[in-house]
C-alpha atoms as a PDB file:
ATOM      1  CA  MET A   1     -28.870  43.300  -0.614  1.00  0.00           C
ATOM      2  CA  ARG A   2     -31.351  42.301  -3.320  1.00  0.00           C
ATOM      3  CA  TYR A   3     -33.317  44.943  -5.173  1.00  0.00           C
ATOM      4  CA  PRO A   4     -37.133  44.859  -5.405  1.00  0.00           C
ATOM      5  CA  ALA A   5     -38.578  42.450  -7.947  1.00  0.00           C
ATOM      6  CA  GLY A   6     -39.124  44.037 -11.315  1.00  0.00           C
ATOM      7  CA  VAL A   7     -36.477  46.741 -10.773  1.00  0.00           C
ATOM      8  CA  SER A   8     -33.804  46.584 -13.463  1.00  0.00           C
ATOM      9  CA  PRO A   9     -30.579  48.571 -13.284  1.00  0.00           C
ATOM     10  CA  THR A  10     -29.298  50.819 -16.030  1.00  0.00           C
ATOM     11  CA  ILE A  11     -26.160  49.804 -17.856  1.00  0.00           C
ATOM     12  CA  GLU A  12     -24.407  52.705 -16.109  1.00  0.00           C
ATOM     13  CA  GLU A  13     -25.349  51.263 -12.711  1.00  0.00           C
ATOM     14  CA  VAL A  14     -24.085  47.852 -13.764  1.00  0.00           C
ATOM     15  CA  ILE A  15     -20.755  49.269 -14.904  1.00  0.00           C
ATOM     16  CA  ALA A  16     -20.367  51.199 -11.651  1.00  0.00           C
ATOM     17  CA  ALA A  17     -21.111  48.063  -9.594  1.00  0.00           C
ATOM     18  CA  ILE A  18     -18.191  46.027 -10.982  1.00  0.00           C
ATOM     19  CA  PRO A  19     -15.062  46.880  -8.953  1.00  0.00           C
ATOM     20  CA  ASP A  20     -12.671  45.574 -11.606  1.00  0.00           C
ATOM     21  CA  TRP A  21     -13.948  48.210 -14.039  1.00  0.00           C
ATOM     22  CA  THR A  22     -13.474  51.194 -11.714  1.00  0.00           C
ATOM     23  CA  GLY A  23     -11.165  53.834 -13.143  1.00  0.00           C
ATOM     24  CA  ARG A  24     -10.905  52.150 -16.548  1.00  0.00           C
ATOM     25  CA  ALA A  25     -12.043  53.331 -19.967  1.00  0.00           C
ATOM     26  CA  VAL A  26     -15.516  51.817 -20.392  1.00  0.00           C
ATOM     27  CA  THR A  27     -17.984  52.208 -23.260  1.00  0.00           C
ATOM     28  CA  ALA A  28     -21.360  50.485 -23.691  1.00  0.00           C
ATOM     29  CA  THR A  29     -23.433  49.803 -26.796  1.00  0.00           C
ATOM     30  CA  ALA A  30     -26.875  48.198 -26.839  1.00  0.00           C
ATOM     31  CA  VAL A  31     -27.102  44.866 -28.663  1.00  0.00           C
ATOM     32  CA  ALA A  32     -30.339  44.086 -30.491  1.00  0.00           C
ATOM     33  CA  ALA A  33     -30.713  40.449 -29.446  1.00  0.00           C
ATOM     34  CA  GLY A  34     -33.186  38.283 -27.566  1.00  0.00           C
ATOM     35  CA  LEU A  35     -36.884  38.514 -26.762  1.00  0.00           C
ATOM     36  CA  THR A  36     -36.712  38.890 -22.981  1.00  0.00           C
ATOM     37  CA  ASN A  37     -33.687  40.839 -21.746  1.00  0.00           C
ATOM     38  CA  SER A  38     -31.587  43.945 -22.403  1.00  0.00           C
ATOM     39  CA  ASN A  39     -28.133  43.191 -23.778  1.00  0.00           C
ATOM     40  CA  PHE A  40     -24.995  45.289 -24.189  1.00  0.00           C
ATOM     41  CA  ARG A  41     -21.499  45.111 -25.596  1.00  0.00           C
ATOM     42  CA  VAL A  42     -19.243  46.756 -23.038  1.00  0.00           C
ATOM     43  CA  GLU A  43     -15.601  47.484 -23.819  1.00  0.00           C
ATOM     44  CA  VAL A  44     -13.238  47.860 -20.877  1.00  0.00           C
ATOM     45  CA  ASP A  45      -9.851  49.247 -21.920  1.00  0.00           C
ATOM     46  CA  GLY A  46     -10.617  47.847 -25.359  1.00  0.00           C
ATOM     47  CA  ILE A  47     -11.580  44.368 -24.111  1.00  0.00           C
ATOM     48  CA  PRO A  48     -15.179  43.495 -25.084  1.00  0.00           C
ATOM     49  CA  TYR A  49     -17.745  41.830 -22.831  1.00  0.00           C
ATOM     50  CA  PHE A  50     -21.407  40.875 -23.145  1.00  0.00           C
ATOM     51  CA  VAL A  51     -23.705  42.200 -20.391  1.00  0.00           C
ATOM     52  CA  ARG A  52     -27.166  40.683 -19.841  1.00  0.00           C
ATOM     53  CA  ILE A  53     -29.765  42.627 -17.823  1.00  0.00           C
ATOM     54  CA  PRO A  54     -32.965  40.621 -17.157  1.00  0.00           C
ATOM     55  CA  GLY A  55     -36.306  41.786 -18.491  1.00  0.00           C
ATOM     56  CA  ALA A  56     -39.277  42.571 -16.270  1.00  0.00           C
ATOM     57  CA  ALA A  57     -41.576  39.883 -14.811  1.00  0.00           C
ATOM     58  CA  THR A  58     -39.573  36.983 -16.236  1.00  0.00           C
ATOM     59  CA  GLU A  59     -40.344  34.978 -13.087  1.00  0.00           C
ATOM     60  CA  LEU A  60     -43.850  34.598 -14.546  1.00  0.00           C
ATOM     61  CA  LEU A  61     -42.238  32.756 -17.454  1.00  0.00           C
ATOM     62  CA  ALA A  62     -40.625  30.291 -15.015  1.00  0.00           C
ATOM     63  CA  VAL A  63     -37.137  31.763 -15.370  1.00  0.00           C
ATOM     64  CA  ASP A  64     -35.002  31.029 -12.306  1.00  0.00           C
ATOM     65  CA  ARG A  65     -32.008  33.336 -12.553  1.00  0.00           C
ATOM     66  CA  ALA A  66     -29.883  31.387 -10.052  1.00  0.00           C
ATOM     67  CA  ASN A  67     -30.469  28.217 -12.066  1.00  0.00           C
ATOM     68  CA  GLU A  68     -29.598  30.110 -15.259  1.00  0.00           C
ATOM     69  CA  LEU A  69     -26.309  31.391 -13.833  1.00  0.00           C
ATOM     70  CA  HIS A  70     -25.341  27.962 -12.493  1.00  0.00           C
ATOM     71  CA  ASN A  71     -26.092  26.341 -15.842  1.00  0.00           C
ATOM     72  CA  THR A  72     -24.321  29.040 -17.841  1.00  0.00           C
ATOM     73  CA  ARG A  73     -21.192  28.298 -15.839  1.00  0.00           C
ATOM     74  CA  ALA A  74     -21.671  24.567 -16.357  1.00  0.00           C
ATOM     75  CA  ALA A  75     -22.051  25.084 -20.120  1.00  0.00           C
ATOM     76  CA  ALA A  76     -18.864  27.165 -20.119  1.00  0.00           C
ATOM     77  CA  ALA A  77     -17.105  24.321 -18.311  1.00  0.00           C
ATOM     78  CA  ALA A  78     -18.371  21.996 -21.038  1.00  0.00           C
ATOM     79  CA  GLY A  79     -16.720  24.294 -23.578  1.00  0.00           C
ATOM     80  CA  VAL A  80     -19.846  25.336 -25.474  1.00  0.00           C
ATOM     81  CA  SER A  81     -20.628  28.727 -23.908  1.00  0.00           C
ATOM     82  CA  PRO A  82     -18.588  31.840 -23.010  1.00  0.00           C
ATOM     83  CA  ARG A  83     -17.049  32.227 -19.558  1.00  0.00           C
ATOM     84  CA  VAL A  84     -18.960  34.163 -16.908  1.00  0.00           C
ATOM     85  CA  ALA A  85     -16.596  37.035 -16.172  1.00  0.00           C
ATOM     86  CA  HIS A  86     -18.719  38.788 -13.510  1.00  0.00           C
ATOM     87  CA  SER A  87     -22.103  38.390 -11.843  1.00  0.00           C
ATOM     88  CA  LEU A  88     -24.230  40.847  -9.870  1.00  0.00           C
ATOM     89  CA  PRO A  89     -26.737  38.713  -7.941  1.00  0.00           C
ATOM     90  CA  GLN A  90     -28.554  41.736  -6.520  1.00  0.00           C
ATOM     91  CA  TRP A  91     -29.871  42.393 -10.054  1.00  0.00           C
ATOM     92  CA  ASP A  92     -29.436  38.898 -11.553  1.00  0.00           C
ATOM     93  CA  VAL A  93     -27.052  40.480 -14.034  1.00  0.00           C
ATOM     94  CA  PHE A  94     -24.065  38.643 -15.447  1.00  0.00           C
ATOM     95  CA  VAL A  95     -21.182  39.484 -17.762  1.00  0.00           C
ATOM     96  CA  LEU A  96     -19.795  37.053 -20.336  1.00  0.00           C
ATOM     97  CA  ASP A  97     -16.592  37.088 -22.304  1.00  0.00           C
ATOM     98  CA  TRP A  98     -17.358  38.454 -25.774  1.00  0.00           C
ATOM     99  CA  LEU A  99     -17.146  35.888 -28.564  1.00  0.00           C
ATOM    100  CA  PRO A 100     -15.913  37.084 -31.972  1.00  0.00           C
ATOM    101  CA  ALA A 101     -18.659  35.171 -33.737  1.00  0.00           C
ATOM    102  CA  ARG A 102     -21.737  35.770 -35.870  1.00  0.00           C
ATOM    103  CA  THR A 103     -25.220  35.297 -34.490  1.00  0.00           C
ATOM    104  CA  MET A 104     -26.873  32.535 -36.479  1.00  0.00           C
ATOM    105  CA  SER A 105     -30.196  32.659 -38.330  1.00  0.00           C
ATOM    106  CA  ASN A 106     -32.534  30.158 -39.962  1.00  0.00           C
ATOM    107  CA  GLU A 107     -31.096  31.204 -43.317  1.00  0.00           C
ATOM    108  CA  ALA A 108     -27.548  30.515 -42.117  1.00  0.00           C
ATOM    109  CA  PHE A 109     -28.592  27.069 -40.884  1.00  0.00           C
ATOM    110  CA  ALA A 110     -29.797  26.220 -44.383  1.00  0.00           C
ATOM    111  CA  GLU A 111     -26.123  25.714 -45.252  1.00  0.00           C
ATOM    112  CA  PRO A 112     -24.931  22.136 -45.980  1.00  0.00           C
ATOM    113  CA  GLU A 113     -24.092  19.956 -42.972  1.00  0.00           C
ATOM    114  CA  ALA A 114     -25.593  22.454 -40.511  1.00  0.00           C
ATOM    115  CA  PRO A 115     -27.508  19.691 -38.651  1.00  0.00           C
ATOM    116  CA  THR A 116     -24.271  17.745 -38.213  1.00  0.00           C
ATOM    117  CA  ARG A 117     -22.510  20.809 -36.758  1.00  0.00           C
ATOM    118  CA  ILE A 118     -25.415  21.375 -34.375  1.00  0.00           C
ATOM    119  CA  ALA A 119     -25.352  17.752 -33.236  1.00  0.00           C
ATOM    120  CA  ALA A 120     -21.635  17.970 -32.420  1.00  0.00           C
ATOM    121  CA  THR A 121     -22.175  21.004 -30.178  1.00  0.00           C
ATOM    122  CA  LEU A 122     -25.196  19.442 -28.466  1.00  0.00           C
ATOM    123  CA  ARG A 123     -23.305  16.231 -27.793  1.00  0.00           C
ATOM    124  CA  GLN A 124     -20.566  18.282 -26.143  1.00  0.00           C
ATOM    125  CA  LEU A 125     -23.077  20.191 -24.000  1.00  0.00           C
ATOM    126  CA  HIS A 126     -24.935  17.025 -23.035  1.00  0.00           C
ATOM    127  CA  ALA A 127     -21.694  15.297 -22.000  1.00  0.00           C
ATOM    128  CA  GLY A 128     -20.766  18.212 -19.725  1.00  0.00           C
ATOM    129  CA  PRO A 129     -21.521  18.929 -16.057  1.00  0.00           C
ATOM    130  CA  ARG A 130     -25.070  18.334 -14.875  1.00  0.00           C
ATOM    131  CA  PHE A 131     -27.322  21.376 -14.584  1.00  0.00           C
ATOM    132  CA  ARG A 132     -28.850  22.450 -11.294  1.00  0.00           C
ATOM    133  CA  ASP A 133     -32.531  21.719 -11.989  1.00  0.00           C
ATOM    134  CA  ASP A 134     -34.516  19.422 -14.258  1.00  0.00           C
ATOM    135  CA  PHE A 135     -36.631  20.504 -17.237  1.00  0.00           C
ATOM    136  CA  ASP A 136     -39.962  18.952 -18.247  1.00  0.00           C
ATOM    137  CA  MET A 137     -42.044  20.650 -20.927  1.00  0.00           C
ATOM    138  CA  PHE A 138     -45.183  18.803 -19.800  1.00  0.00           C
ATOM    139  CA  ARG A 139     -44.966  20.340 -16.327  1.00  0.00           C
ATOM    140  CA  LEU A 140     -43.890  23.728 -17.662  1.00  0.00           C
ATOM    141  CA  SER A 141     -46.870  23.802 -20.024  1.00  0.00           C
ATOM    142  CA  GLU A 142     -49.191  23.069 -17.112  1.00  0.00           C
ATOM    143  CA  ARG A 143     -47.638  25.944 -15.180  1.00  0.00           C
ATOM    144  CA  TYR A 144     -48.044  28.300 -18.132  1.00  0.00           C
ATOM    145  CA  LEU A 145     -51.651  27.224 -18.690  1.00  0.00           C
ATOM    146  CA  ALA A 146     -52.474  27.913 -15.024  1.00  0.00           C
ATOM    147  CA  LEU A 147     -51.047  31.419 -15.441  1.00  0.00           C
ATOM    148  CA  VAL A 148     -53.029  31.888 -18.650  1.00  0.00           C
ATOM    149  CA  ASP A 149     -56.206  30.963 -16.789  1.00  0.00           C
ATOM    150  CA  ALA A 150     -55.405  33.113 -13.758  1.00  0.00           C
ATOM    151  CA  ARG A 151     -54.757  36.204 -15.874  1.00  0.00           C
ATOM    152  CA  SER A 152     -57.280  35.557 -18.667  1.00  0.00           C
ATOM    153  CA  VAL A 153     -54.512  35.574 -21.267  1.00  0.00           C
ATOM    154  CA  ARG A 154     -55.684  35.070 -24.839  1.00  0.00           C
ATOM    155  CA  ILE A 155     -54.331  31.899 -26.476  1.00  0.00           C
ATOM    156  CA  PRO A 156     -54.795  30.590 -30.037  1.00  0.00           C
ATOM    157  CA  ALA A 157     -58.141  29.126 -31.003  1.00  0.00           C
ATOM    158  CA  GLY A 158     -58.311  25.338 -30.762  1.00  0.00           C
ATOM    159  CA  TYR A 159     -55.544  25.035 -28.178  1.00  0.00           C
ATOM    160  CA  ARG A 160     -57.706  23.686 -25.358  1.00  0.00           C
ATOM    161  CA  GLU A 161     -59.555  21.326 -27.692  1.00  0.00           C
ATOM    162  CA  HIS A 162     -56.291  19.478 -28.299  1.00  0.00           C
ATOM    163  CA  LEU A 163     -55.198  19.151 -24.674  1.00  0.00           C
ATOM    164  CA  ASP A 164     -56.581  15.611 -24.365  1.00  0.00           C
ATOM    165  CA  ARG A 165     -53.821  14.433 -26.715  1.00  0.00           C
ATOM    166  CA  ILE A 166     -50.957  15.668 -24.574  1.00  0.00           C
ATOM    167  CA  PRO A 167     -51.170  12.835 -21.981  1.00  0.00           C
ATOM    168  CA  ARG A 168     -50.975  10.354 -24.865  1.00  0.00           C
ATOM    169  CA  ILE A 169     -47.678  11.910 -25.942  1.00  0.00           C
ATOM    170  CA  GLU A 170     -46.297  11.787 -22.417  1.00  0.00           C
ATOM    171  CA  ALA A 171     -47.345   8.144 -21.989  1.00  0.00           C
ATOM    172  CA  ALA A 172     -45.569   7.190 -25.226  1.00  0.00           C
ATOM    173  CA  LEU A 173     -42.374   8.958 -24.169  1.00  0.00           C
ATOM    174  CA  VAL A 174     -42.208   7.580 -20.621  1.00  0.00           C
ATOM    175  CA  ALA A 175     -42.834   4.035 -21.893  1.00  0.00           C
ATOM    176  CA  VAL A 176     -39.227   3.965 -23.119  1.00  0.00           C
ATOM    177  CA  PRO A 177     -37.393   6.558 -21.015  1.00  0.00           C
ATOM    178  CA  ILE A 178     -34.072   8.076 -22.080  1.00  0.00           C
ATOM    179  CA  PRO A 179     -31.496   9.177 -19.472  1.00  0.00           C
ATOM    180  CA  SER A 180     -31.577  12.919 -18.923  1.00  0.00           C
ATOM    181  CA  VAL A 181     -28.706  15.192 -19.917  1.00  0.00           C
ATOM    182  CA  PRO A 182     -28.019  18.913 -19.409  1.00  0.00           C
ATOM    183  CA  CYS A 183     -30.148  20.587 -22.095  1.00  0.00           C
ATOM    184  CA  HIS A 184     -30.634  24.166 -23.285  1.00  0.00           C
ATOM    185  CA  ASN A 185     -34.295  23.644 -24.362  1.00  0.00           C
ATOM    186  CA  ASP A 186     -34.758  26.966 -26.184  1.00  0.00           C
ATOM    187  CA  LEU A 187     -32.568  26.644 -29.254  1.00  0.00           C
ATOM    188  CA  LEU A 188     -33.713  29.298 -31.662  1.00  0.00           C
ATOM    189  CA  ALA A 189     -31.147  30.076 -34.335  1.00  0.00           C
ATOM    190  CA  GLU A 190     -30.146  33.264 -32.528  1.00  0.00           C
ATOM    191  CA  ASN A 191     -29.011  31.276 -29.487  1.00  0.00           C
ATOM    192  CA  TYR A 192     -26.217  29.769 -31.592  1.00  0.00           C
ATOM    193  CA  LEU A 193     -23.017  31.657 -32.421  1.00  0.00           C
ATOM    194  CA  ASP A 194     -20.591  30.615 -35.169  1.00  0.00           C
ATOM    195  CA  ASP A 195     -16.925  31.615 -34.834  1.00  0.00           C
ATOM    196  CA  GLY A 196     -16.105  30.214 -38.275  1.00  0.00           C
ATOM    197  CA  ASP A 197     -14.813  26.951 -36.848  1.00  0.00           C
ATOM    198  CA  ARG A 198     -17.497  25.754 -34.453  1.00  0.00           C
ATOM    199  CA  LEU A 199     -20.840  26.608 -32.898  1.00  0.00           C
ATOM    200  CA  TRP A 200     -21.355  28.051 -29.421  1.00  0.00           C
ATOM    201  CA  ILE A 201     -24.603  28.281 -27.424  1.00  0.00           C
ATOM    202  CA  VAL A 202     -25.862  31.162 -25.260  1.00  0.00           C
ATOM    203  CA  ASP A 203     -28.959  32.123 -23.225  1.00  0.00           C
ATOM    204  CA  PHE A 204     -29.645  29.360 -20.705  1.00  0.00           C
ATOM    205  CA  GLU A 205     -32.851  30.804 -19.201  1.00  0.00           C
ATOM    206  CA  TYR A 206     -34.855  27.593 -19.684  1.00  0.00           C
ATOM    207  CA  SER A 207     -32.025  25.121 -19.320  1.00  0.00           C
ATOM    208  CA  GLY A 208     -32.234  21.990 -17.225  1.00  0.00           C
ATOM    209  CA  ASN A 209     -31.544  18.289 -17.229  1.00  0.00           C
ATOM    210  CA  GLY A 210     -33.931  16.637 -19.636  1.00  0.00           C
ATOM    211  CA  ASP A 211     -34.619  14.370 -22.584  1.00  0.00           C
ATOM    212  CA  PRO A 212     -32.097  14.886 -25.405  1.00  0.00           C
ATOM    213  CA  THR A 213     -34.789  14.217 -28.004  1.00  0.00           C
ATOM    214  CA  PHE A 214     -36.601  17.345 -26.793  1.00  0.00           C
ATOM    215  CA  GLU A 215     -33.391  19.304 -27.397  1.00  0.00           C
ATOM    216  CA  LEU A 216     -33.127  17.986 -30.958  1.00  0.00           C
ATOM    217  CA  ALA A 217     -36.839  18.469 -31.567  1.00  0.00           C
ATOM    218  CA  ASN A 218     -36.878  22.014 -30.251  1.00  0.00           C
ATOM    219  CA  THR A 219     -34.038  23.224 -32.439  1.00  0.00           C
ATOM    220  CA  ALA A 220     -35.302  21.325 -35.500  1.00  0.00           C
ATOM    221  CA  GLN A 221     -38.707  22.948 -35.105  1.00  0.00           C
ATOM    222  CA  GLU A 222     -37.319  26.426 -34.511  1.00  0.00           C
ATOM    223  CA  LEU A 223     -34.933  26.152 -37.456  1.00  0.00           C
ATOM    224  CA  GLY A 224     -37.654  24.854 -39.784  1.00  0.00           C
ATOM    225  CA  PHE A 225     -35.863  21.611 -40.613  1.00  0.00           C
ATOM    226  CA  ASP A 226     -37.533  19.320 -43.133  1.00  0.00           C
ATOM    227  CA  GLU A 227     -37.509  15.547 -42.702  1.00  0.00           C
ATOM    228  CA  VAL A 228     -34.166  15.122 -44.486  1.00  0.00           C
ATOM    229  CA  ARG A 229     -32.410  17.567 -42.183  1.00  0.00           C
ATOM    230  CA  LEU A 230     -34.158  16.105 -39.128  1.00  0.00           C
ATOM    231  CA  VAL A 231     -32.839  12.654 -40.055  1.00  0.00           C
ATOM    232  CA  GLU A 232     -29.347  14.148 -40.492  1.00  0.00           C
ATOM    233  CA  LEU A 233     -29.569  15.779 -37.059  1.00  0.00           C
ATOM    234  CA  CYS A 234     -30.701  12.577 -35.318  1.00  0.00           C
ATOM    235  CA  THR A 235     -28.145  10.446 -37.155  1.00  0.00           C
ATOM    236  CA  ALA A 236     -25.293  12.810 -36.282  1.00  0.00           C
ATOM    237  CA  TYR A 237     -26.371  12.896 -32.636  1.00  0.00           C
ATOM    238  CA  PHE A 238     -27.323   9.263 -31.966  1.00  0.00           C
ATOM    239  CA  GLY A 239     -25.291   7.535 -34.686  1.00  0.00           C
ATOM    240  CA  VAL A 240     -28.490   6.182 -36.206  1.00  0.00           C
ATOM    241  CA  ALA A 241     -31.988   7.557 -36.804  1.00  0.00           C
ATOM    242  CA  THR A 242     -34.223   4.634 -35.884  1.00  0.00           C
ATOM    243  CA  PRO A 243     -37.993   4.852 -36.457  1.00  0.00           C
ATOM    244  CA  ALA A 244     -38.460   4.950 -32.669  1.00  0.00           C
ATOM    245  CA  LEU A 245     -36.031   7.863 -32.203  1.00  0.00           C
ATOM    246  CA  LEU A 246     -37.520   9.801 -35.106  1.00  0.00           C
ATOM    247  CA  ALA A 247     -41.049   9.237 -33.795  1.00  0.00           C
ATOM    248  CA  ARG A 248     -39.976  10.367 -30.332  1.00  0.00           C
ATOM    249  CA  THR A 249     -38.414  13.491 -31.824  1.00  0.00           C
ATOM    250  CA  HIS A 250     -41.564  14.296 -33.802  1.00  0.00           C
ATOM    251  CA  LEU A 251     -43.652  14.049 -30.635  1.00  0.00           C
ATOM    252  CA  GLN A 252     -41.197  16.311 -28.834  1.00  0.00           C
ATOM    253  CA  MET A 253     -41.459  18.802 -31.719  1.00  0.00           C
ATOM    254  CA  ILE A 254     -45.155  19.001 -30.938  1.00  0.00           C
ATOM    255  CA  MET A 255     -44.427  19.549 -27.244  1.00  0.00           C
ATOM    256  CA  SER A 256     -41.921  22.281 -28.013  1.00  0.00           C
ATOM    257  CA  ASP A 257     -44.614  24.260 -29.825  1.00  0.00           C
ATOM    258  CA  VAL A 258     -47.301  23.377 -27.257  1.00  0.00           C
ATOM    259  CA  GLY A 259     -45.222  24.942 -24.487  1.00  0.00           C
ATOM    260  CA  TRP A 260     -43.688  27.903 -26.284  1.00  0.00           C
ATOM    261  CA  THR A 261     -47.098  28.866 -27.705  1.00  0.00           C
ATOM    262  CA  LEU A 262     -48.206  29.627 -24.150  1.00  0.00           C
ATOM    263  CA  TRP A 263     -44.916  31.391 -23.408  1.00  0.00           C
ATOM    264  CA  ALA A 264     -45.500  33.713 -26.363  1.00  0.00           C
ATOM    265  CA  ALA A 265     -49.107  34.361 -25.374  1.00  0.00           C
ATOM    266  CA  ILE A 266     -47.982  35.363 -21.873  1.00  0.00           C
ATOM    267  CA  GLN A 267     -45.246  37.555 -23.319  1.00  0.00           C
ATOM    268  CA  ALA A 268     -47.839  39.297 -25.466  1.00  0.00           C
ATOM    269  CA  ARG A 269     -49.510  40.336 -22.207  1.00  0.00           C
ATOM    270  CA  ILE A 270     -46.515  41.239 -20.030  1.00  0.00           C
ATOM    271  CA  SER A 271     -43.585  42.220 -22.254  1.00  0.00           C
ATOM    272  CA  ALA A 272     -42.617  45.811 -23.015  1.00  0.00           C
ATOM    273  CA  ILE A 273     -40.466  44.684 -25.957  1.00  0.00           C
ATOM    274  CA  GLU A 274     -41.735  45.753 -29.369  1.00  0.00           C
ATOM    275  CA  PHE A 275     -42.320  42.327 -30.867  1.00  0.00           C
ATOM    276  CA  ASP A 276     -45.467  40.608 -32.135  1.00  0.00           C
ATOM    277  CA  PHE A 277     -45.608  37.809 -29.578  1.00  0.00           C
ATOM    278  CA  ALA A 278     -49.266  37.102 -30.413  1.00  0.00           C
ATOM    279  CA  ALA A 279     -48.356  36.284 -34.017  1.00  0.00           C
ATOM    280  CA  TRP A 280     -45.438  34.193 -32.744  1.00  0.00           C
ATOM    281  CA  ALA A 281     -47.882  32.196 -30.599  1.00  0.00           C
ATOM    282  CA  GLU A 282     -50.245  31.664 -33.531  1.00  0.00           C
ATOM    283  CA  GLU A 283     -47.386  30.461 -35.727  1.00  0.00           C
ATOM    284  CA  ARG A 284     -46.196  27.892 -33.226  1.00  0.00           C
ATOM    285  CA  TRP A 285     -49.663  26.652 -32.442  1.00  0.00           C
ATOM    286  CA  ALA A 286     -50.429  26.228 -36.155  1.00  0.00           C
ATOM    287  CA  ARG A 287     -47.417  23.915 -36.460  1.00  0.00           C
ATOM    288  CA  ALA A 288     -48.381  21.905 -33.382  1.00  0.00           C
ATOM    289  CA  ALA A 289     -52.038  21.576 -34.432  1.00  0.00           C
ATOM    290  CA  ALA A 290     -51.050  20.401 -37.910  1.00  0.00           C
ATOM    291  CA  MET A 291     -48.926  17.627 -36.393  1.00  0.00           C
ATOM    292  CA  LEU A 292     -51.527  16.674 -33.776  1.00  0.00           C
ATOM    293  CA  ASP A 293     -54.226  16.446 -36.453  1.00  0.00           C
ATOM    294  CA  GLY A 294     -51.993  14.820 -39.059  1.00  0.00           C
ATOM    295  CA  PRO A 295     -52.191  11.198 -40.223  1.00  0.00           C
ATOM    296  CA  GLU A 296     -48.806  10.326 -38.671  1.00  0.00           C
ATOM    297  CA  PHE A 297     -49.650  11.268 -35.085  1.00  0.00           C
ATOM    298  CA  ASP A 298     -50.906   7.805 -34.048  1.00  0.00           C
ATOM    299  CA  LEU A 299     -48.013   6.183 -35.928  1.00  0.00           C
ATOM    300  CA  TRP A 300     -45.523   8.281 -33.947  1.00  0.00           C
ATOM    301  CA  LEU A 301     -47.189   7.280 -30.667  1.00  0.00           C
ATOM    302  CA  ARG A 302     -46.847   3.589 -31.514  1.00  0.00           C
ATOM    303  CA  ALA A 303     -43.317   3.850 -32.898  1.00  0.00           C
ATOM    304  CA  ALA A 304     -42.063   5.831 -29.898  1.00  0.00           C
ATOM    305  CA  ARG A 305     -43.039   2.921 -27.676  1.00  0.00           C
ATOM    306  CA  GLY A 306     -40.583   0.811 -29.660  1.00  0.00           C
END
């Protein structure tokens, strides 16, 4: 039986629904993490687990929970994400093994050689099992924009005036296609965990098979990497940072902000989480607009074509 859309269970209901935990000593503590879901650390006879309960109306944000679960398991098989210990499909809830690791931040990723460490983890993910579905930020942005129009969602000023440039980016990227790989696509700092030896990745809501340069671009943009650190990231991942690869990554940095700007604007309308999504949208659009209007935009388009 599936529960009605938009109905989320309590953590007590989740605990009661897992047969393996019946009759055992169980405690739950809320974890302040993420911008979409409710998260908990649950200890069962002293063994810790991470429980993820989906937020409301996330289907509007194009989150497919079955795809997420499939890809989370694939990422675990690749050795870059915790094991799925339990799943409750009636609520789209899953339980992960708890990692004894620190949640990363932009400040933590300012440490030396951070881009090289990130590249190693991404290469491992991308070499792992294929994900269930594909990911394309151009199509996702179109879907988000249709929702924005249907619900009269406010978006940053100037957004629509720049839309004529997006097909030019797509044309430059498809001119020299790169084989798709299983990508996370939403690599904020907080979606990395550091156990002191290596990085792990969590939260595969927007994961799918896609262009690896989008993966690099997305995390570089979210982590605020300057050109030096971007070159380090690309070099560590590809073995060399050619002008064509760097140009492609810059264009994908624009697309990352183009898409997630709309995501944040929609969240500002639908989310019950106390977070300034409107300001988050403005911040991302300001970065994208600066790159679209900058003197290097046409150079990147030409270089990406090789």
